[in-house]
Amino acid sequence: MTAPTHDAGLNTAPLRPAATWLTQRLTGPICQLGVFLPAGFPAPRHDVAALRLFAASGADILEVGIPDAAARYDGPLIRSAYRQALGAGTRVADAIETVQHAASTTDASVVVMTYWQGVKAYTPARFADDLASAGAAGAMIVDLPAAHTASWTHAARSAGIHTPHLVSRTATDHDLAHTAEHTSGWTYVPAAEALTGYTGDLNTTALATFTRRLRATSTTPVVTGIGISTPHKAAQVRHLVNGCVIGSPIVRPLLHTGGSAGLRIAADTVAAFASALRSGPR
């Protein structure tokens, strides 16, 4: 199979194998499970061991979060994990090392979730090149400023990695069409309308309506998260999306229980979500 390239009209390079493999995963018949973990959490060097265990427990995609002191799109639980990782000295270069170890020692696709300030300080071109060399399939900058979208897209696509984007559930059709121009790999849609999470019932009808609007403007796979707090909720949305990412259900036991017991709870949780997503086709 010939590796696909990025959108025509942009200065691009062929996709790296890791990015091509992620595309194949997300266009398959089974909704893929993504597991989010901050780099350096629960402790430096322990993050890779946790990611390996999650991959062995059923995670198809490992989403490595780069700790950020502000993290305005994350809830209190994730922010606490970020503070713990930052307090232990975790920085962007450490997160890239985590990506490299996870990508080289598991069969999962490894992606990154981050904020713009860290990328800006590291410089976009260096960030994209280092991630590509580490084996990342792509990086989602959740607060990417509109003024820097083109430069980031150029840097990432020149490096051969995907440029996914987070879209708001309140986005207009014009917003969705504009986002699609700079998006590859996947489009991230919150399952809950609140960006910082939700633990109540999900409005799957509203999510289905939004994903139909999104698919009318883009052929990029759709991944959801934020509000998928139980395996039952994952099963409710698996027919609507190509992938489902969980974060808080994994971070909670690592933060509150800790140690080997917390890690075992987290791994069992991953297995339960994987089973829920694989109990039927999309």
C-alpha atoms as a PDB file:
ATOM      1  CA  MET A   1       0.000   0.000   0.000  1.00  0.00           C
ATOM      2  CA  THR A   2       1.334   3.420  -0.939  1.00  0.00           C
ATOM      3  CA  ALA A   3       1.554   5.789   1.997  1.00  0.00           C
ATOM      4  CA  PRO A   4      -0.915   8.663   1.608  1.00  0.00           C
ATOM      5  CA  THR A   5       0.312  12.219   1.508  1.00  0.00           C
ATOM      6  CA  HIS A   6      -1.155  15.319   3.082  1.00  0.00           C
ATOM      7  CA  ASP A   7      -3.574  17.747   1.475  1.00  0.00           C
ATOM      8  CA  ALA A   8      -2.591  19.092  -1.907  1.00  0.00           C
ATOM      9  CA  GLY A   9      -1.591  22.731  -2.130  1.00  0.00           C
ATOM     10  CA  LEU A  10       0.579  22.722   0.979  1.00  0.00           C
ATOM     11  CA  ASN A  11       4.306  22.148   1.301  1.00  0.00           C
ATOM     12  CA  THR A  12       4.197  18.595   2.602  1.00  0.00           C
ATOM     13  CA  ALA A  13       6.269  15.476   2.957  1.00  0.00           C
ATOM     14  CA  PRO A  14       5.017  11.894   2.768  1.00  0.00           C
ATOM     15  CA  LEU A  15       3.487  10.718   6.011  1.00  0.00           C
ATOM     16  CA  ARG A  16       5.812   8.900   8.368  1.00  0.00           C
ATOM     17  CA  PRO A  17       4.972   5.194   8.866  1.00  0.00           C
ATOM     18  CA  ALA A  18       3.591   5.922  12.333  1.00  0.00           C
ATOM     19  CA  ALA A  19       1.130   8.448  10.897  1.00  0.00           C
ATOM     20  CA  THR A  20       0.096   6.106   8.087  1.00  0.00           C
ATOM     21  CA  TRP A  21      -0.509   3.301  10.572  1.00  0.00           C
ATOM     22  CA  LEU A  22      -2.708   5.556  12.715  1.00  0.00           C
ATOM     23  CA  THR A  23      -4.806   6.421   9.672  1.00  0.00           C
ATOM     24  CA  GLN A  24      -5.272   2.725   8.946  1.00  0.00           C
ATOM     25  CA  ARG A  25      -6.348   2.135  12.546  1.00  0.00           C
ATOM     26  CA  LEU A  26      -8.892   4.942  12.548  1.00  0.00           C
ATOM     27  CA  THR A  27     -10.447   3.966   9.223  1.00  0.00           C
ATOM     28  CA  GLY A  28     -10.978   0.345  10.267  1.00  0.00           C
ATOM     29  CA  PRO A  29     -14.274  -1.216  11.353  1.00  0.00           C
ATOM     30  CA  ILE A  30     -13.699  -1.092  15.131  1.00  0.00           C
ATOM     31  CA  CYS A  31     -13.768   2.105  17.198  1.00  0.00           C
ATOM     32  CA  GLN A  32     -10.228   2.569  18.502  1.00  0.00           C
ATOM     33  CA  LEU A  33      -9.435   3.145  22.172  1.00  0.00           C
ATOM     34  CA  GLY A  34      -7.098   5.991  23.049  1.00  0.00           C
ATOM     35  CA  VAL A  35      -5.665   6.381  26.550  1.00  0.00           C
ATOM     36  CA  PHE A  36      -4.369   9.745  27.760  1.00  0.00           C
ATOM     37  CA  LEU A  37      -1.522  10.032  30.254  1.00  0.00           C
ATOM     38  CA  PRO A  38       0.579  13.096  31.122  1.00  0.00           C
ATOM     39  CA  ALA A  39       4.287  12.658  30.509  1.00  0.00           C
ATOM     40  CA  GLY A  40       6.170  12.343  33.790  1.00  0.00           C
ATOM     41  CA  PHE A  41       3.070  11.052  35.600  1.00  0.00           C
ATOM     42  CA  PRO A  42       2.675   9.330  37.981  1.00  0.00           C
ATOM     43  CA  ALA A  43       6.445   9.880  38.190  1.00  0.00           C
ATOM     44  CA  PRO A  44       9.358  10.351  35.799  1.00  0.00           C
ATOM     45  CA  ARG A  45      10.212   7.077  34.040  1.00  0.00           C
ATOM     46  CA  HIS A  46       7.088   5.456  35.507  1.00  0.00           C
ATOM     47  CA  ASP A  47       5.004   6.971  32.722  1.00  0.00           C
ATOM     48  CA  VAL A  48       6.489   4.637  30.098  1.00  0.00           C
ATOM     49  CA  ALA A  49       5.826   1.561  32.239  1.00  0.00           C
ATOM     50  CA  ALA A  50       2.213   2.665  32.643  1.00  0.00           C
ATOM     51  CA  LEU A  51       1.800   3.289  28.908  1.00  0.00           C
ATOM     52  CA  ARG A  52       3.204  -0.144  28.110  1.00  0.00           C
ATOM     53  CA  LEU A  53       0.735  -1.734  30.509  1.00  0.00           C
ATOM     54  CA  PHE A  54      -2.147   0.214  28.986  1.00  0.00           C
ATOM     55  CA  ALA A  55      -1.175  -0.931  25.496  1.00  0.00           C
ATOM     56  CA  ALA A  56      -1.045  -4.529  26.731  1.00  0.00           C
ATOM     57  CA  SER A  57      -4.491  -4.012  28.324  1.00  0.00           C
ATOM     58  CA  GLY A  58      -6.143  -2.968  25.054  1.00  0.00           C
ATOM     59  CA  ALA A  59      -5.216   0.623  24.229  1.00  0.00           C
ATOM     60  CA  ASP A  60      -4.837   1.140  20.474  1.00  0.00           C
ATOM     61  CA  ILE A  61      -3.624   4.738  20.794  1.00  0.00           C
ATOM     62  CA  LEU A  62      -1.469   6.247  23.534  1.00  0.00           C
ATOM     63  CA  GLU A  63      -1.995   9.989  23.916  1.00  0.00           C
ATOM     64  CA  VAL A  64       0.898  11.589  25.789  1.00  0.00           C
ATOM     65  CA  GLY A  65       0.014  14.904  27.385  1.00  0.00           C
ATOM     66  CA  ILE A  66       2.734  17.511  27.753  1.00  0.00           C
ATOM     67  CA  PRO A  67       2.290  19.055  31.225  1.00  0.00           C
ATOM     68  CA  ASP A  68       1.218  22.693  31.205  1.00  0.00           C
ATOM     69  CA  ALA A  69       0.800  24.958  34.217  1.00  0.00           C
ATOM     70  CA  ALA A  70      -2.336  26.631  32.816  1.00  0.00           C
ATOM     71  CA  ALA A  71      -4.050  23.757  30.936  1.00  0.00           C
ATOM     72  CA  ARG A  72      -7.291  25.688  30.594  1.00  0.00           C
ATOM     73  CA  TYR A  73      -9.006  22.969  28.567  1.00  0.00           C
ATOM     74  CA  ASP A  74      -8.438  20.334  31.233  1.00  0.00           C
ATOM     75  CA  GLY A  75     -10.384  19.666  34.398  1.00  0.00           C
ATOM     76  CA  PRO A  76      -9.077  19.703  37.993  1.00  0.00           C
ATOM     77  CA  LEU A  77      -7.967  16.073  37.936  1.00  0.00           C
ATOM     78  CA  ILE A  78      -5.746  16.418  34.871  1.00  0.00           C
ATOM     79  CA  ARG A  79      -4.403  19.745  36.085  1.00  0.00           C
ATOM     80  CA  SER A  80      -3.386  18.075  39.349  1.00  0.00           C
ATOM     81  CA  ALA A  81      -1.535  15.386  37.400  1.00  0.00           C
ATOM     82  CA  TYR A  82       0.178  18.074  35.323  1.00  0.00           C
ATOM     83  CA  ARG A  83       1.283  19.933  38.455  1.00  0.00           C
ATOM     84  CA  GLN A  84       2.709  16.701  39.866  1.00  0.00           C
ATOM     85  CA  ALA A  85       4.652  16.045  36.659  1.00  0.00           C
ATOM     86  CA  LEU A  86       5.899  19.637  36.441  1.00  0.00           C
ATOM     87  CA  GLY A  87       6.932  19.525  40.081  1.00  0.00           C
ATOM     88  CA  ALA A  88       9.035  16.464  39.289  1.00  0.00           C
ATOM     89  CA  GLY A  89      10.807  18.423  36.553  1.00  0.00           C
ATOM     90  CA  THR A  90       9.026  17.126  33.426  1.00  0.00           C
ATOM     91  CA  ARG A  91       9.508  19.387  30.414  1.00  0.00           C
ATOM     92  CA  VAL A  92       8.853  19.171  26.659  1.00  0.00           C
ATOM     93  CA  ALA A  93      12.089  17.290  25.956  1.00  0.00           C
ATOM     94  CA  ASP A  94      11.180  14.717  28.624  1.00  0.00           C
ATOM     95  CA  ALA A  95       7.760  14.230  27.045  1.00  0.00           C
ATOM     96  CA  ILE A  96       9.350  13.609  23.652  1.00  0.00           C
ATOM     97  CA  GLU A  97      11.563  10.990  25.281  1.00  0.00           C
ATOM     98  CA  THR A  98       8.441   9.357  26.734  1.00  0.00           C
ATOM     99  CA  VAL A  99       6.945   9.285  23.232  1.00  0.00           C
ATOM    100  CA  GLN A 100      10.067   7.631  21.863  1.00  0.00           C
ATOM    101  CA  HIS A 101      10.088   4.895  24.496  1.00  0.00           C
ATOM    102  CA  ALA A 102       6.355   4.223  24.161  1.00  0.00           C
ATOM    103  CA  ALA A 103       6.472   4.152  20.351  1.00  0.00           C
ATOM    104  CA  SER A 104       9.469   1.820  20.236  1.00  0.00           C
ATOM    105  CA  THR A 105       8.251  -0.663  22.857  1.00  0.00           C
ATOM    106  CA  THR A 106       4.512  -1.036  22.114  1.00  0.00           C
ATOM    107  CA  ASP A 107       2.304  -1.755  19.108  1.00  0.00           C
ATOM    108  CA  ALA A 108       0.086   1.225  19.906  1.00  0.00           C
ATOM    109  CA  SER A 109       0.051   4.441  17.908  1.00  0.00           C
ATOM    110  CA  VAL A 110       1.516   7.281  19.966  1.00  0.00           C
ATOM    111  CA  VAL A 111       0.183  10.819  19.657  1.00  0.00           C
ATOM    112  CA  VAL A 112       0.662  14.011  21.659  1.00  0.00           C
ATOM    113  CA  MET A 113      -1.724  16.493  23.240  1.00  0.00           C
ATOM    114  CA  THR A 114      -0.256  19.848  24.189  1.00  0.00           C
ATOM    115  CA  TYR A 115      -0.717  23.596  24.525  1.00  0.00           C
ATOM    116  CA  TRP A 116       0.733  26.301  22.301  1.00  0.00           C
ATOM    117  CA  GLN A 117       3.047  28.060  24.750  1.00  0.00           C
ATOM    118  CA  GLY A 118       5.217  24.988  25.195  1.00  0.00           C
ATOM    119  CA  VAL A 119       5.401  24.414  21.445  1.00  0.00           C
ATOM    120  CA  LYS A 120       6.174  28.085  20.818  1.00  0.00           C
ATOM    121  CA  ALA A 121       9.042  28.048  23.317  1.00  0.00           C
ATOM    122  CA  TYR A 122      10.451  24.825  21.868  1.00  0.00           C
ATOM    123  CA  THR A 123       9.813  26.198  18.333  1.00  0.00           C
ATOM    124  CA  PRO A 124       7.223  24.522  16.071  1.00  0.00           C
ATOM    125  CA  ALA A 125       9.678  23.160  13.501  1.00  0.00           C
ATOM    126  CA  ARG A 126      11.936  21.572  16.106  1.00  0.00           C
ATOM    127  CA  PHE A 127       8.922  20.209  17.986  1.00  0.00           C
ATOM    128  CA  ALA A 128       7.471  18.592  14.859  1.00  0.00           C
ATOM    129  CA  ASP A 129      10.817  17.164  13.729  1.00  0.00           C
ATOM    130  CA  ASP A 130      11.648  15.754  17.167  1.00  0.00           C
ATOM    131  CA  LEU A 131       8.214  14.166  17.519  1.00  0.00           C
ATOM    132  CA  ALA A 132       8.504  12.597  14.081  1.00  0.00           C
ATOM    133  CA  SER A 133      11.947  11.211  14.925  1.00  0.00           C
ATOM    134  CA  ALA A 134      10.562   9.843  18.199  1.00  0.00           C
ATOM    135  CA  GLY A 135       7.857   7.886  16.367  1.00  0.00           C
ATOM    136  CA  ALA A 136       4.809  10.048  17.090  1.00  0.00           C
ATOM    137  CA  ALA A 137       1.925   9.873  14.634  1.00  0.00           C
ATOM    138  CA  GLY A 138       0.805  13.443  15.258  1.00  0.00           C
ATOM    139  CA  ALA A 139       0.263  16.218  17.773  1.00  0.00           C
ATOM    140  CA  MET A 140      -2.882  18.105  18.732  1.00  0.00           C
ATOM    141  CA  ILE A 141      -2.356  21.642  20.038  1.00  0.00           C
ATOM    142  CA  VAL A 142      -5.659  22.278  21.763  1.00  0.00           C
ATOM    143  CA  ASP A 143      -5.323  26.064  22.010  1.00  0.00           C
ATOM    144  CA  LEU A 144      -3.511  26.685  18.717  1.00  0.00           C
ATOM    145  CA  PRO A 145      -3.938  30.398  17.882  1.00  0.00           C
ATOM    146  CA  ALA A 146      -5.478  31.099  14.496  1.00  0.00           C
ATOM    147  CA  ALA A 147      -2.528  33.314  13.623  1.00  0.00           C
ATOM    148  CA  HIS A 148      -0.133  30.375  14.006  1.00  0.00           C
ATOM    149  CA  THR A 149      -2.246  27.634  12.441  1.00  0.00           C
ATOM    150  CA  ALA A 150      -0.594  27.848   9.023  1.00  0.00           C
ATOM    151  CA  SER A 151       2.954  27.818  10.411  1.00  0.00           C
ATOM    152  CA  TRP A 152       2.244  24.823  12.643  1.00  0.00           C
ATOM    153  CA  THR A 153       0.535  22.966   9.799  1.00  0.00           C
ATOM    154  CA  HIS A 154       3.559  23.572   7.587  1.00  0.00           C
ATOM    155  CA  ALA A 155       6.018  22.412  10.270  1.00  0.00           C
ATOM    156  CA  ALA A 156       4.095  19.258  11.141  1.00  0.00           C
ATOM    157  CA  ARG A 157       3.348  18.226   7.593  1.00  0.00           C
ATOM    158  CA  SER A 158       6.904  18.878   6.516  1.00  0.00           C
ATOM    159  CA  ALA A 159       7.914  16.459   9.267  1.00  0.00           C
ATOM    160  CA  GLY A 160       5.364  13.886   8.055  1.00  0.00           C
ATOM    161  CA  ILE A 161       3.094  13.825  11.103  1.00  0.00           C
ATOM    162  CA  HIS A 162      -0.616  14.495  11.490  1.00  0.00           C
ATOM    163  CA  THR A 163      -2.157  17.817  12.511  1.00  0.00           C
ATOM    164  CA  PRO A 164      -5.384  16.994  14.348  1.00  0.00           C
ATOM    165  CA  HIS A 165      -7.594  19.743  15.727  1.00  0.00           C
ATOM    166  CA  LEU A 166     -10.030  20.109  18.597  1.00  0.00           C
ATOM    167  CA  VAL A 167     -13.381  21.490  17.463  1.00  0.00           C
ATOM    168  CA  SER A 168     -16.005  23.077  19.661  1.00  0.00           C
ATOM    169  CA  ARG A 169     -19.517  21.642  19.661  1.00  0.00           C
ATOM    170  CA  THR A 170     -20.714  25.213  19.025  1.00  0.00           C
ATOM    171  CA  ALA A 171     -18.664  25.589  15.822  1.00  0.00           C
ATOM    172  CA  THR A 172     -20.475  26.911  12.758  1.00  0.00           C
ATOM    173  CA  ASP A 173     -20.360  25.153   9.399  1.00  0.00           C
ATOM    174  CA  HIS A 174     -17.915  27.862   8.249  1.00  0.00           C
ATOM    175  CA  ASP A 175     -15.695  27.151  11.274  1.00  0.00           C
ATOM    176  CA  LEU A 176     -15.745  23.425  10.538  1.00  0.00           C
ATOM    177  CA  ALA A 177     -14.839  23.956   6.883  1.00  0.00           C
ATOM    178  CA  HIS A 178     -11.930  26.222   7.841  1.00  0.00           C
ATOM    179  CA  THR A 179     -10.662  23.752  10.445  1.00  0.00           C
ATOM    180  CA  ALA A 180     -10.806  20.916   7.933  1.00  0.00           C
ATOM    181  CA  GLU A 181      -8.270  22.725   5.731  1.00  0.00           C
ATOM    182  CA  HIS A 182      -5.603  22.350   8.410  1.00  0.00           C
ATOM    183  CA  THR A 183      -6.632  19.028   9.939  1.00  0.00           C
ATOM    184  CA  SER A 184      -5.244  15.590   9.211  1.00  0.00           C
ATOM    185  CA  GLY A 185      -5.220  12.330  11.129  1.00  0.00           C
ATOM    186  CA  TRP A 186      -8.301  12.958  13.209  1.00  0.00           C
ATOM    187  CA  THR A 187     -10.691  15.663  14.366  1.00  0.00           C
ATOM    188  CA  TYR A 188     -11.289  15.688  18.105  1.00  0.00           C
ATOM    189  CA  VAL A 189     -14.904  16.277  19.143  1.00  0.00           C
ATOM    190  CA  PRO A 190     -15.888  16.550  22.823  1.00  0.00           C
ATOM    191  CA  ALA A 191     -18.587  14.030  23.676  1.00  0.00           C
ATOM    192  CA  ALA A 192     -19.868  16.455  26.305  1.00  0.00           C
ATOM    193  CA  GLU A 193     -20.598  20.017  25.329  1.00  0.00           C
ATOM    194  CA  ALA A 194     -18.396  21.312  28.165  1.00  0.00           C
ATOM    195  CA  LEU A 195     -14.721  21.255  27.226  1.00  0.00           C
ATOM    196  CA  THR A 196     -13.541  20.512  30.765  1.00  0.00           C
ATOM    197  CA  GLY A 197     -15.516  17.316  31.163  1.00  0.00           C
ATOM    198  CA  TYR A 198     -18.850  15.981  32.308  1.00  0.00           C
ATOM    199  CA  THR A 199     -19.883  12.946  34.345  1.00  0.00           C
ATOM    200  CA  GLY A 200     -23.661  12.919  33.788  1.00  0.00           C
ATOM    201  CA  ASP A 201     -25.656  11.423  30.939  1.00  0.00           C
ATOM    202  CA  LEU A 202     -24.466  12.115  27.415  1.00  0.00           C
ATOM    203  CA  ASN A 203     -26.719  13.589  24.748  1.00  0.00           C
ATOM    204  CA  THR A 204     -25.841  11.077  22.047  1.00  0.00           C
ATOM    205  CA  THR A 205     -28.451  12.513  19.688  1.00  0.00           C
ATOM    206  CA  ALA A 206     -26.741  15.909  19.779  1.00  0.00           C
ATOM    207  CA  LEU A 207     -23.335  14.270  19.322  1.00  0.00           C
ATOM    208  CA  ALA A 208     -24.633  12.300  16.338  1.00  0.00           C
ATOM    209  CA  THR A 209     -26.021  15.489  14.764  1.00  0.00           C
ATOM    210  CA  PHE A 210     -22.716  17.282  15.217  1.00  0.00           C
ATOM    211  CA  THR A 211     -20.609  14.442  13.817  1.00  0.00           C
ATOM    212  CA  ARG A 212     -22.862  14.329  10.731  1.00  0.00           C
ATOM    213  CA  ARG A 213     -22.237  18.043  10.195  1.00  0.00           C
ATOM    214  CA  LEU A 214     -18.517  17.506  10.623  1.00  0.00           C
ATOM    215  CA  ARG A 215     -18.379  14.571   8.206  1.00  0.00           C
ATOM    216  CA  ALA A 216     -20.174  16.701   5.606  1.00  0.00           C
ATOM    217  CA  THR A 217     -17.145  19.022   5.542  1.00  0.00           C
ATOM    218  CA  SER A 218     -14.274  16.588   6.095  1.00  0.00           C
ATOM    219  CA  THR A 219     -13.299  12.968   5.485  1.00  0.00           C
ATOM    220  CA  THR A 220     -10.894  13.014   8.433  1.00  0.00           C
ATOM    221  CA  PRO A 221     -11.649  10.357  11.077  1.00  0.00           C
ATOM    222  CA  VAL A 222     -13.560  11.626  14.108  1.00  0.00           C
ATOM    223  CA  VAL A 223     -12.312  10.933  17.628  1.00  0.00           C
ATOM    224  CA  THR A 224     -14.235  11.787  20.775  1.00  0.00           C
ATOM    225  CA  GLY A 225     -13.456  12.171  24.439  1.00  0.00           C
ATOM    226  CA  ILE A 226     -14.272  14.510  27.348  1.00  0.00           C
ATOM    227  CA  GLY A 227     -17.287  13.032  29.082  1.00  0.00           C
ATOM    228  CA  ILE A 228     -16.638   9.359  28.263  1.00  0.00           C
ATOM    229  CA  SER A 229     -16.335   8.473  31.930  1.00  0.00           C
ATOM    230  CA  THR A 230     -17.543   4.855  31.851  1.00  0.00           C
ATOM    231  CA  PRO A 231     -17.315   1.851  29.506  1.00  0.00           C
ATOM    232  CA  HIS A 232     -21.098   2.082  29.070  1.00  0.00           C
ATOM    233  CA  LYS A 233     -20.777   5.615  27.693  1.00  0.00           C
ATOM    234  CA  ALA A 234     -18.015   4.452  25.366  1.00  0.00           C
ATOM    235  CA  ALA A 235     -20.341   1.753  24.039  1.00  0.00           C
ATOM    236  CA  GLN A 236     -23.028   4.394  23.494  1.00  0.00           C
ATOM    237  CA  VAL A 237     -20.855   6.452  21.148  1.00  0.00           C
ATOM    238  CA  ARG A 238     -18.740   3.801  19.405  1.00  0.00           C
ATOM    239  CA  HIS A 239     -21.032   3.736  16.344  1.00  0.00           C
ATOM    240  CA  LEU A 240     -20.692   7.509  15.907  1.00  0.00           C
ATOM    241  CA  VAL A 241     -16.913   7.920  15.861  1.00  0.00           C
ATOM    242  CA  ASN A 242     -13.656   6.296  14.767  1.00  0.00           C
ATOM    243  CA  GLY A 243     -11.949   6.548  18.117  1.00  0.00           C
ATOM    244  CA  CYS A 244     -12.628   7.264  21.781  1.00  0.00           C
ATOM    245  CA  VAL A 245     -10.034   8.731  24.177  1.00  0.00           C
ATOM    246  CA  ILE A 246     -10.228   8.368  27.949  1.00  0.00           C
ATOM    247  CA  GLY A 247      -8.189  10.361  30.445  1.00  0.00           C
ATOM    248  CA  SER A 248      -9.748  11.028  33.838  1.00  0.00           C
ATOM    249  CA  PRO A 249     -10.814   7.393  34.450  1.00  0.00           C
ATOM    250  CA  ILE A 250      -7.133   6.453  34.104  1.00  0.00           C
ATOM    251  CA  VAL A 251      -5.548   9.391  35.898  1.00  0.00           C
ATOM    252  CA  ARG A 252      -7.907   9.178  38.905  1.00  0.00           C
ATOM    253  CA  PRO A 253      -6.635   5.899  40.390  1.00  0.00           C
ATOM    254  CA  LEU A 254      -3.031   6.850  39.663  1.00  0.00           C
ATOM    255  CA  LEU A 255      -3.531  10.129  41.493  1.00  0.00           C
ATOM    256  CA  HIS A 256      -5.768   9.046  44.373  1.00  0.00           C
ATOM    257  CA  THR A 257      -4.790   5.413  44.998  1.00  0.00           C
ATOM    258  CA  GLY A 258      -1.253   5.475  43.674  1.00  0.00           C
ATOM    259  CA  GLY A 259       1.390   2.784  43.634  1.00  0.00           C
ATOM    260  CA  SER A 260       0.938  -0.647  42.104  1.00  0.00           C
ATOM    261  CA  ALA A 261      -2.702  -0.797  43.263  1.00  0.00           C
ATOM    262  CA  GLY A 262      -3.569   2.411  41.400  1.00  0.00           C
ATOM    263  CA  LEU A 263      -1.775   1.181  38.303  1.00  0.00           C
ATOM    264  CA  ARG A 264      -3.677  -2.110  38.376  1.00  0.00           C
ATOM    265  CA  ILE A 265      -7.002  -0.297  38.708  1.00  0.00           C
ATOM    266  CA  ALA A 266      -6.061   1.924  35.772  1.00  0.00           C
ATOM    267  CA  ALA A 267      -5.053  -1.065  33.619  1.00  0.00           C
ATOM    268  CA  ASP A 268      -8.278  -2.909  34.473  1.00  0.00           C
ATOM    269  CA  THR A 269     -10.193   0.218  33.503  1.00  0.00           C
ATOM    270  CA  VAL A 270      -8.433   0.294  30.138  1.00  0.00           C
ATOM    271  CA  ALA A 271      -9.393  -3.339  29.572  1.00  0.00           C
ATOM    272  CA  ALA A 272     -13.043  -2.617  30.418  1.00  0.00           C
ATOM    273  CA  PHE A 273     -13.205   0.296  27.965  1.00  0.00           C
ATOM    274  CA  ALA A 274     -11.496  -1.766  25.248  1.00  0.00           C
ATOM    275  CA  SER A 275     -14.049  -4.529  25.716  1.00  0.00           C
ATOM    276  CA  ALA A 276     -16.919  -2.044  25.463  1.00  0.00           C
ATOM    277  CA  LEU A 277     -15.632  -0.595  22.196  1.00  0.00           C
ATOM    278  CA  ARG A 278     -14.945  -3.994  20.648  1.00  0.00           C
ATOM    279  CA  SER A 279     -18.294  -5.530  21.499  1.00  0.00           C
ATOM    280  CA  GLY A 280     -19.585  -4.443  18.108  1.00  0.00           C
ATOM    281  CA  PRO A 281     -18.570  -2.609  14.912  1.00  0.00           C
ATOM    282  CA  ARG A 282     -18.891   1.108  14.421  1.00  0.00           C
END
